Every structure is written in C-alpha cells, then in structure tokens.
C-alpha cells in the first residue's frame, strides 16, 4: 500500500490530492493519514496511470466517457470454421432425429468422420482407410456409404482408384433437395 502524498505538480496532486484509490487499501480498509475520501473510479484510473490527464479532464466536463478497458465490438461476418463445423454437426443430428428408419450407428459414425475430415465441403478418403478406421469389412462400409448417399447426406464426386487416388465425397449436414423421396430405400435399420 502506498501511503505517500501525491508529488508536487503531479496529475494526482492537481486534480484530486485528497482522494486515495480503494484498490490500494489493505487490512482494515482505512484511509491513510492526510486523505479525506476514497477516489472514485475515474480518479483511481488517473492516480494509477490507466487514463491520461486529458481524458480525465474531458470526463469531468462530461464530453467524453471515462476510458475503461472494454471488449472490441465483434465484426459481423463469416463465422469461424470451428463454429461452422459445430453447426454442421447440429444440423445433421437434427435431421437424423426426424428420419425413419434410423441410420445404423456405423452410418452415423461414418458421416461424422467424413464431416470431421471435410474441407470446403469435400472429404477425401478410401474404402480401405474407412475399413481400417472402423474395423468392419469393406462391404459393410459400402452399404453405409450407399445409405448416406441415398439419403442425400453424401454425394460421390470422384471415384478413387486402388493404390492411385482417394475417393472424394461431398459431405452435407442436411439431406440434399434431390435425394430419393423414399426414406426406406436401402436404409440400414438399427434394432
């Protein structure tokens, strides 16, 4: 705690020599000798050096609001990629809850994995990588991919070639408008 008096000619001495900042009080919270009152917030900012003398004088006249650190206003615009991923998961889960028959857990996990890997709406992968990732046969992976394609959540953009290039899928969080109107076609139902 500082108990010294304001220095001669300082901004503290010129504007509020009788005020003492509350944040410097310790123990019994009593003012040190020579001070008659606690400083108000803008005076405490001046004494501690958080505002300039010009800002303090302007705030005393009422022409400028006291300067306190505040958050910068958020720019309106495109949300961050992380927020967009979360929105995509939410939209998929909302669409999934309204769907009958239900997707198999593998189809849901497969979509989530592809959504996690997608960039600009496209996911590159191979059936072999998916087979290794999920520990199921390639035919089971193909069935789940077919179910997601028929429901409109996936679209095959480019078929890969064995040991040459990966398959590219367009991944959608909601079914495409041109998906098959019959929701029961080819679906893997859960028990």
Protein backbone atom coordinates (compact mmCIF):
# COMPACT_ATOMS: atom_id res chain seq x y z
CA UNK A 1 0.00 0.00 0.00
CA UNK A 2 1.27 3.45 -0.90
CA UNK A 3 0.84 5.95 1.91
CA UNK A 4 2.88 8.78 0.45
CA UNK A 5 1.26 12.02 -0.56
CA UNK A 6 0.95 12.96 -4.25
CA UNK A 7 4.11 14.51 -5.64
CA UNK A 8 4.15 18.26 -6.23
CA UNK A 9 2.95 19.04 -9.79
CA UNK A 10 1.64 15.53 -10.49
CA UNK A 11 -1.77 14.97 -12.04
CA UNK A 12 -2.86 13.36 -8.76
CA UNK A 13 -1.89 16.50 -6.81
CA UNK A 14 -3.51 18.85 -9.36
CA UNK A 15 -6.89 17.10 -9.62
CA UNK A 16 -7.65 15.01 -6.52
CA UNK A 17 -4.99 15.34 -3.77
CA UNK A 18 -7.44 14.33 -1.01
CA UNK A 19 -8.56 11.09 -2.76
CA UNK A 20 -6.92 7.69 -2.26
CA UNK A 21 -7.59 4.69 -4.54
CA UNK A 22 -9.65 1.93 -2.91
CA UNK A 23 -7.58 -0.76 -4.62
CA UNK A 24 -4.55 0.34 -2.58
CA UNK A 25 -6.35 -0.05 0.75
CA UNK A 26 -5.35 -3.08 2.81
CA UNK A 27 -6.18 -4.54 6.19
CA UNK A 28 -8.91 -2.53 7.91
CA UNK A 29 -9.64 -0.61 4.73
CA UNK A 30 -9.00 2.70 6.48
CA UNK A 31 -7.71 5.73 4.61
CA UNK A 32 -4.11 6.70 5.38
CA UNK A 33 -3.48 9.95 7.23
CA UNK A 34 -3.89 13.04 5.06
CA UNK A 35 -6.56 11.61 2.77
CA UNK A 36 -10.20 12.52 3.35
CA UNK A 37 -12.05 10.26 0.92
CA UNK A 38 -11.68 7.23 -1.34
CA UNK A 39 -11.16 8.01 -5.02
CA UNK A 40 -13.99 7.42 -7.44
CA UNK A 41 -13.23 5.03 -10.34
CA UNK A 42 -12.08 7.66 -12.84
CA UNK A 43 -9.88 9.32 -10.19
CA UNK A 44 -8.38 5.94 -9.33
CA UNK A 45 -7.66 5.42 -13.04
CA UNK A 46 -5.86 8.78 -13.15
CA UNK A 47 -3.85 8.11 -9.98
CA UNK A 48 -2.83 4.61 -11.16
CA UNK A 49 -1.98 5.85 -14.65
CA UNK A 50 -4.69 3.98 -16.57
CA UNK A 51 -6.02 7.19 -18.17
CA UNK A 52 -4.31 10.33 -19.36
CA UNK A 53 -4.86 13.72 -17.77
CA UNK A 54 -6.63 14.95 -20.92
CA UNK A 55 -9.08 12.02 -20.79
CA UNK A 56 -9.67 12.64 -17.08
CA UNK A 57 -10.39 16.36 -17.62
CA UNK A 58 -12.69 15.60 -20.56
CA UNK A 59 -14.61 13.05 -18.50
CA UNK A 60 -15.03 15.56 -15.66
CA UNK A 61 -16.60 18.00 -18.13
CA UNK A 62 -18.87 15.27 -19.41
CA UNK A 63 -17.69 15.48 -23.01
CA UNK A 64 -16.06 12.03 -23.11
CA UNK A 65 -16.97 8.85 -21.31
CA UNK A 66 -14.28 7.56 -18.97
CA UNK A 67 -11.85 5.25 -20.69
CA UNK A 68 -12.02 1.77 -19.27
CA UNK A 69 -10.74 -1.33 -20.95
CA UNK A 70 -13.58 -2.96 -22.82
CA UNK A 71 -14.03 -5.68 -25.38
CA UNK A 72 -13.82 -4.67 -29.00
CA UNK A 73 -17.13 -4.84 -30.82
CA UNK A 74 -17.46 -8.03 -32.83
CA UNK A 75 -17.43 -7.69 -36.57
CA UNK A 76 -20.41 -9.12 -38.32
CA UNK A 77 -19.35 -11.53 -40.98
CA UNK A 78 -18.42 -15.08 -41.67
CA UNK A 79 -18.31 -17.31 -38.56
CA UNK A 80 -15.12 -19.19 -37.75
CA UNK A 81 -14.57 -22.63 -39.29
CA UNK A 82 -14.90 -24.28 -35.87
CA UNK A 83 -18.33 -22.72 -35.38
CA UNK A 84 -19.35 -23.87 -38.85
CA UNK A 85 -18.28 -27.45 -38.03
CA UNK A 86 -20.36 -27.41 -34.85
CA UNK A 87 -23.37 -26.01 -36.74
CA UNK A 88 -22.93 -28.82 -39.28
CA UNK A 89 -22.96 -31.48 -36.57
CA UNK A 90 -26.07 -29.92 -35.01
CA UNK A 91 -27.90 -29.76 -38.34
CA UNK A 92 -27.01 -33.39 -39.10
CA UNK A 93 -28.20 -34.57 -35.69
CA UNK A 94 -31.43 -32.57 -36.03
CA UNK A 95 -32.11 -34.10 -39.47
CA UNK A 96 -31.20 -37.52 -38.12
CA UNK A 97 -33.74 -37.34 -35.31
CA UNK A 98 -36.58 -36.79 -37.81
CA UNK A 99 -35.54 -39.66 -40.07
CA UNK A 100 -37.25 -43.05 -40.20
CA UNK A 101 -35.90 -45.69 -40.41
CA UNK A 102 -32.90 -44.75 -38.34
CA UNK A 103 -29.36 -44.95 -39.62
CA UNK A 104 -27.11 -47.65 -38.23
CA UNK A 105 -24.50 -46.50 -35.72
CA UNK A 106 -21.86 -47.20 -38.38
CA UNK A 107 -23.55 -44.86 -40.88
CA UNK A 108 -23.71 -42.09 -38.25
CA UNK A 109 -20.08 -42.63 -37.24
CA UNK A 110 -19.04 -42.72 -40.89
CA UNK A 111 -20.79 -39.40 -41.62
CA UNK A 112 -19.23 -37.83 -38.51
CA UNK A 113 -15.77 -38.99 -39.57
CA UNK A 114 -16.23 -37.66 -43.10
CA UNK A 115 -17.57 -34.34 -41.75
CA UNK A 116 -14.55 -34.06 -39.49
CA UNK A 117 -12.23 -34.63 -42.47
CA UNK A 118 -14.09 -32.40 -44.93
CA UNK A 119 -12.61 -29.21 -46.26
CA UNK A 120 -14.72 -26.87 -48.38
CA UNK A 121 -17.49 -29.48 -48.34
CA UNK A 122 -15.32 -32.27 -49.77
CA UNK A 123 -13.82 -35.25 -47.96
CA UNK A 124 -11.04 -37.39 -49.45
CA UNK A 125 -10.76 -40.95 -48.24
CA UNK A 126 -10.59 -44.52 -49.42
CA UNK A 127 -12.72 -47.50 -48.54
CA UNK A 128 -9.62 -49.24 -47.23
CA UNK A 129 -8.89 -46.36 -44.83
CA UNK A 130 -12.50 -46.42 -43.63
CA UNK A 131 -12.32 -50.20 -43.24
CA UNK A 132 -9.22 -49.85 -41.05
CA UNK A 133 -10.68 -46.93 -39.13
CA UNK A 134 -13.96 -48.61 -38.18
CA UNK A 135 -12.82 -52.24 -38.05
CA UNK A 136 -15.52 -53.60 -40.35
CA UNK A 137 -15.49 -55.21 -43.78
CA UNK A 138 -15.37 -53.22 -46.99
CA UNK A 139 -18.86 -54.43 -47.95
CA UNK A 140 -20.27 -53.03 -44.68
CA UNK A 141 -18.55 -49.69 -45.38
CA UNK A 142 -20.03 -49.67 -48.89
CA UNK A 143 -23.54 -50.33 -47.53
CA UNK A 144 -23.25 -47.48 -45.03
CA UNK A 145 -21.90 -45.13 -47.72
CA UNK A 146 -24.75 -46.13 -50.05
CA UNK A 147 -27.32 -45.41 -47.31
CA UNK A 148 -25.83 -41.96 -46.71
CA UNK A 149 -25.76 -41.25 -50.46
CA UNK A 150 -29.37 -42.34 -50.94
CA UNK A 151 -30.46 -40.20 -48.01
CA UNK A 152 -28.71 -37.17 -49.55
CA UNK A 153 -26.03 -36.65 -46.89
CA UNK A 154 -23.19 -37.72 -49.23
CA UNK A 155 -22.53 -37.39 -52.92
CA UNK A 156 -19.78 -39.21 -54.77
CA UNK A 157 -17.73 -36.57 -56.58
CA UNK A 158 -14.90 -38.75 -57.89
CA UNK A 159 -14.38 -42.47 -57.51
CA UNK A 160 -10.88 -43.37 -56.38
CA UNK A 161 -8.62 -45.97 -57.92
CA UNK A 162 -6.98 -48.71 -55.97
CA UNK A 163 -3.47 -47.62 -54.87
CA UNK A 164 -3.68 -44.48 -57.01
CA UNK A 165 -6.07 -41.86 -55.62
CA UNK A 166 -8.70 -41.47 -52.94
CA UNK A 167 -12.44 -41.20 -53.42
CA UNK A 168 -13.87 -37.71 -52.97
CA UNK A 169 -17.28 -37.22 -51.36
CA UNK A 170 -19.33 -34.06 -50.97
CA UNK A 171 -20.49 -34.13 -47.34
CA UNK A 172 -23.71 -32.36 -46.40
CA UNK A 173 -25.08 -31.71 -42.89
CA UNK A 174 -28.65 -31.84 -44.22
CA UNK A 175 -30.02 -34.04 -47.00
CA UNK A 176 -29.82 -32.60 -50.48
CA UNK A 177 -33.09 -31.50 -52.02
CA UNK A 178 -32.77 -34.06 -54.84
CA UNK A 179 -32.37 -37.07 -52.53
CA UNK A 180 -34.57 -40.10 -53.01
CA UNK A 181 -38.09 -39.34 -51.75
CA UNK A 182 -38.47 -42.84 -50.32
CA UNK A 183 -36.62 -42.75 -46.97
CA UNK A 184 -36.81 -46.52 -46.55
CA UNK A 185 -34.85 -47.44 -49.67
CA UNK A 186 -31.62 -49.17 -48.78
CA UNK A 187 -31.53 -47.95 -45.20
CA UNK A 188 -29.68 -49.97 -42.62
CA UNK A 189 -32.10 -50.02 -39.73
CA UNK A 190 -30.99 -50.41 -36.14
CA UNK A 191 -32.70 -52.98 -33.95
